[in-house]
Amino acid sequence: MLFDIAYLNDPSLSTYFKIFGSMISLWHLLGGIGVLFQKSWGLFVFKSYLYVLLLGIPIGTYIASKTLRYIKDNELDKLFT
């Protein structure tokens, strides 16, 4: 959200970049709210984020694989309704 506030009125950035940044911020906000309230759609958004993060070689792949393995090993899916 800070990105949106700081760069939304910057004329040097393209409109597509501003839309992309706003969409990513909204995706993070909705996913965070869903996880905090333990909603199944929040877990879905978080897992989809982790699967996209797998493409970020090498650090993103490491973080995403460890987190997905932790979710699976500890059966955290059962916590979300």
N, C-alpha and C. Protein backbone atom coordinates (compact mmCIF):
# COMPACT_ATOMS: atom_id res chain seq x y z
N MET A 1 0.82 -1.19 0.00
CA MET A 1 0.00 0.00 0.00
C MET A 1 0.87 1.26 0.00
N LEU A 2 2.01 1.20 0.67
CA LEU A 2 2.91 2.35 0.66
C LEU A 2 3.42 2.64 -0.74
N PHE A 3 3.64 1.58 -1.51
CA PHE A 3 4.05 1.76 -2.91
C PHE A 3 2.99 2.54 -3.67
N ASP A 4 1.75 2.15 -3.48
CA ASP A 4 0.65 2.83 -4.18
C ASP A 4 0.57 4.29 -3.80
N ILE A 5 0.71 4.58 -2.53
CA ILE A 5 0.62 5.96 -2.06
C ILE A 5 1.78 6.79 -2.60
N ALA A 6 2.97 6.21 -2.59
CA ALA A 6 4.16 6.96 -3.00
C ALA A 6 4.24 7.17 -4.51
N TYR A 7 3.83 6.16 -5.29
CA TYR A 7 4.07 6.21 -6.72
C TYR A 7 2.82 6.37 -7.59
N LEU A 8 1.66 6.44 -6.99
CA LEU A 8 0.45 6.53 -7.80
C LEU A 8 0.38 7.81 -8.62
N ASN A 9 0.91 8.88 -8.11
CA ASN A 9 0.86 10.16 -8.82
C ASN A 9 2.16 10.50 -9.52
N ASP A 10 3.08 9.56 -9.61
CA ASP A 10 4.36 9.81 -10.28
C ASP A 10 4.16 9.76 -11.79
N PRO A 11 4.37 10.88 -12.49
CA PRO A 11 4.11 10.89 -13.94
C PRO A 11 5.13 10.10 -14.76
N SER A 12 6.28 9.75 -14.17
CA SER A 12 7.29 9.04 -14.95
C SER A 12 6.98 7.55 -15.09
N LEU A 13 6.06 7.02 -14.29
CA LEU A 13 5.68 5.61 -14.37
C LEU A 13 4.52 5.43 -15.34
N SER A 14 4.53 4.31 -16.05
CA SER A 14 3.46 4.06 -17.01
C SER A 14 2.18 3.65 -16.27
N THR A 15 1.08 3.80 -16.95
CA THR A 15 -0.21 3.44 -16.38
C THR A 15 -0.29 1.95 -16.11
N TYR A 16 0.28 1.13 -17.00
CA TYR A 16 0.26 -0.31 -16.81
C TYR A 16 1.02 -0.72 -15.56
N PHE A 17 2.14 -0.07 -15.31
CA PHE A 17 2.92 -0.37 -14.12
C PHE A 17 2.15 0.02 -12.86
N LYS A 18 1.45 1.12 -12.89
CA LYS A 18 0.64 1.54 -11.75
C LYS A 18 -0.50 0.56 -11.49
N ILE A 19 -1.14 0.09 -12.55
CA ILE A 19 -2.22 -0.89 -12.40
C ILE A 19 -1.68 -2.20 -11.85
N PHE A 20 -0.54 -2.63 -12.37
CA PHE A 20 0.09 -3.86 -11.91
C PHE A 20 0.45 -3.75 -10.42
N GLY A 21 1.05 -2.65 -10.02
CA GLY A 21 1.41 -2.44 -8.63
C GLY A 21 0.21 -2.42 -7.72
N SER A 22 -0.87 -1.81 -8.16
CA SER A 22 -2.10 -1.77 -7.37
C SER A 22 -2.72 -3.16 -7.23
N MET A 23 -2.70 -3.94 -8.30
CA MET A 23 -3.25 -5.29 -8.25
C MET A 23 -2.44 -6.18 -7.31
N ILE A 24 -1.13 -6.08 -7.35
CA ILE A 24 -0.28 -6.87 -6.47
C ILE A 24 -0.51 -6.47 -5.02
N SER A 25 -0.64 -5.19 -4.76
CA SER A 25 -0.91 -4.72 -3.39
C SER A 25 -2.25 -5.25 -2.89
N LEU A 26 -3.26 -5.23 -3.74
CA LEU A 26 -4.57 -5.74 -3.37
C LEU A 26 -4.53 -7.24 -3.11
N TRP A 27 -3.76 -7.97 -3.93
CA TRP A 27 -3.60 -9.42 -3.76
C TRP A 27 -2.97 -9.73 -2.40
N HIS A 28 -1.93 -8.99 -2.04
CA HIS A 28 -1.28 -9.19 -0.75
C HIS A 28 -2.22 -8.83 0.41
N LEU A 29 -2.95 -7.74 0.26
CA LEU A 29 -3.86 -7.31 1.32
C LEU A 29 -4.97 -8.33 1.55
N LEU A 30 -5.60 -8.79 0.48
CA LEU A 30 -6.68 -9.77 0.62
C LEU A 30 -6.16 -11.10 1.15
N GLY A 31 -5.01 -11.52 0.67
CA GLY A 31 -4.43 -12.77 1.18
C GLY A 31 -4.08 -12.68 2.65
N GLY A 32 -3.52 -11.57 3.07
CA GLY A 32 -3.18 -11.39 4.48
C GLY A 32 -4.40 -11.36 5.37
N ILE A 33 -5.46 -10.70 4.93
CA ILE A 33 -6.70 -10.66 5.70
C ILE A 33 -7.30 -12.05 5.79
N GLY A 34 -7.30 -12.78 4.69
CA GLY A 34 -7.85 -14.14 4.69
C GLY A 34 -7.09 -15.08 5.60
N VAL A 35 -5.78 -14.97 5.63
CA VAL A 35 -4.97 -15.82 6.52
C VAL A 35 -5.19 -15.43 7.98
N LEU A 36 -5.25 -14.13 8.26
CA LEU A 36 -5.46 -13.70 9.63
C LEU A 36 -6.81 -14.17 10.19
N PHE A 37 -7.83 -14.17 9.35
CA PHE A 37 -9.15 -14.62 9.79
C PHE A 37 -9.37 -16.11 9.55
N GLN A 38 -8.32 -16.82 9.14
CA GLN A 38 -8.31 -18.27 8.93
C GLN A 38 -9.43 -18.72 7.99
N LYS A 39 -9.52 -18.07 6.86
CA LYS A 39 -10.49 -18.45 5.83
C LYS A 39 -9.80 -19.34 4.81
N SER A 40 -10.53 -20.27 4.24
CA SER A 40 -9.94 -21.19 3.26
C SER A 40 -9.48 -20.44 2.02
N TRP A 41 -10.18 -19.39 1.62
CA TRP A 41 -9.76 -18.63 0.45
C TRP A 41 -8.46 -17.87 0.75
N GLY A 42 -8.23 -17.51 2.01
CA GLY A 42 -6.97 -16.86 2.39
C GLY A 42 -5.80 -17.82 2.23
N LEU A 43 -6.01 -19.07 2.63
CA LEU A 43 -4.97 -20.08 2.44
C LEU A 43 -4.72 -20.34 0.96
N PHE A 44 -5.80 -20.34 0.17
CA PHE A 44 -5.66 -20.52 -1.27
C PHE A 44 -4.83 -19.39 -1.89
N VAL A 45 -5.11 -18.15 -1.49
CA VAL A 45 -4.35 -17.01 -2.01
C VAL A 45 -2.89 -17.11 -1.58
N PHE A 46 -2.65 -17.49 -0.33
CA PHE A 46 -1.28 -17.62 0.17
C PHE A 46 -0.53 -18.72 -0.56
N LYS A 47 -1.17 -19.87 -0.77
CA LYS A 47 -0.51 -20.96 -1.48
C LYS A 47 -0.25 -20.58 -2.95
N SER A 48 -1.19 -19.89 -3.57
CA SER A 48 -0.97 -19.47 -4.95
C SER A 48 0.22 -18.51 -5.03
N TYR A 49 0.34 -17.65 -4.03
CA TYR A 49 1.49 -16.75 -3.95
C TYR A 49 2.78 -17.56 -3.83
N LEU A 50 2.76 -18.60 -3.00
CA LEU A 50 3.96 -19.42 -2.82
C LEU A 50 4.31 -20.18 -4.09
N TYR A 51 3.31 -20.64 -4.83
CA TYR A 51 3.61 -21.34 -6.09
C TYR A 51 4.22 -20.39 -7.12
N VAL A 52 3.78 -19.15 -7.13
CA VAL A 52 4.38 -18.16 -8.03
C VAL A 52 5.80 -17.85 -7.56
N LEU A 53 5.99 -17.80 -6.24
CA LEU A 53 7.30 -17.51 -5.67
C LEU A 53 8.31 -18.62 -5.97
N LEU A 54 7.83 -19.83 -6.24
CA LEU A 54 8.74 -20.92 -6.61
C LEU A 54 9.57 -20.58 -7.85
N LEU A 55 9.07 -19.69 -8.68
CA LEU A 55 9.78 -19.31 -9.90
C LEU A 55 10.95 -18.37 -9.62
N GLY A 56 11.01 -17.82 -8.41
CA GLY A 56 12.07 -16.88 -8.05
C GLY A 56 13.32 -17.59 -7.60
N ILE A 57 14.08 -18.10 -8.56
CA ILE A 57 15.28 -18.88 -8.27
C ILE A 57 16.39 -17.96 -7.82
N PRO A 58 17.17 -18.27 -6.83
CA PRO A 58 17.17 -19.41 -5.91
C PRO A 58 16.47 -19.12 -4.59
N ILE A 59 16.39 -17.87 -4.17
CA ILE A 59 15.88 -17.56 -2.83
C ILE A 59 14.38 -17.81 -2.74
N GLY A 60 13.63 -17.38 -3.73
CA GLY A 60 12.18 -17.58 -3.72
C GLY A 60 11.82 -19.05 -3.73
N THR A 61 12.55 -19.83 -4.49
CA THR A 61 12.30 -21.27 -4.54
C THR A 61 12.53 -21.90 -3.18
N TYR A 62 13.61 -21.52 -2.53
CA TYR A 62 13.93 -22.07 -1.21
C TYR A 62 12.86 -21.71 -0.18
N ILE A 63 12.49 -20.44 -0.12
CA ILE A 63 11.50 -19.99 0.86
C ILE A 63 10.14 -20.63 0.59
N ALA A 64 9.71 -20.64 -0.66
CA ALA A 64 8.40 -21.20 -1.00
C ALA A 64 8.34 -22.70 -0.74
N SER A 65 9.39 -23.43 -1.11
CA SER A 65 9.37 -24.88 -0.90
C SER A 65 9.37 -25.22 0.58
N LYS A 66 10.14 -24.50 1.37
CA LYS A 66 10.15 -24.74 2.82
C LYS A 66 8.78 -24.44 3.43
N THR A 67 8.16 -23.34 3.02
CA THR A 67 6.86 -22.96 3.57
C THR A 67 5.78 -23.94 3.15
N LEU A 68 5.76 -24.35 1.89
CA LEU A 68 4.77 -25.32 1.43
C LEU A 68 4.95 -26.67 2.14
N ARG A 69 6.19 -27.08 2.35
CA ARG A 69 6.45 -28.32 3.07
C ARG A 69 5.98 -28.21 4.52
N TYR A 70 6.19 -27.06 5.15
CA TYR A 70 5.74 -26.85 6.52
C TYR A 70 4.22 -26.92 6.61
N ILE A 71 3.54 -26.31 5.66
CA ILE A 71 2.07 -26.35 5.64
C ILE A 71 1.58 -27.78 5.50
N LYS A 72 2.24 -28.55 4.63
CA LYS A 72 1.83 -29.94 4.41
C LYS A 72 2.16 -30.82 5.61
N ASP A 73 3.36 -30.71 6.14
CA ASP A 73 3.79 -31.58 7.25
C ASP A 73 2.98 -31.35 8.51
N ASN A 74 2.60 -30.11 8.78
CA ASN A 74 1.86 -29.79 9.99
C ASN A 74 0.35 -29.73 9.78
N GLU A 75 -0.10 -30.10 8.60
CA GLU A 75 -1.52 -30.16 8.25
C GLU A 75 -2.26 -28.87 8.63
N LEU A 76 -1.71 -27.76 8.21
CA LEU A 76 -2.32 -26.48 8.52
C LEU A 76 -3.62 -26.24 7.75
N ASP A 77 -3.89 -27.05 6.75
CA ASP A 77 -5.15 -26.92 6.01
C ASP A 77 -6.35 -27.13 6.92
N LYS A 78 -6.18 -27.92 7.97
CA LYS A 78 -7.29 -28.21 8.88
C LYS A 78 -7.68 -27.00 9.73
N LEU A 79 -6.78 -26.03 9.88
CA LEU A 79 -7.08 -24.84 10.68
C LEU A 79 -7.99 -23.86 9.96
N PHE A 80 -8.04 -23.95 8.65
CA PHE A 80 -8.78 -22.98 7.85
C PHE A 80 -10.14 -23.54 7.49
N THR A 81 -11.18 -22.71 7.72
CA THR A 81 -12.55 -23.15 7.45
C THR A 81 -13.06 -22.62 6.13
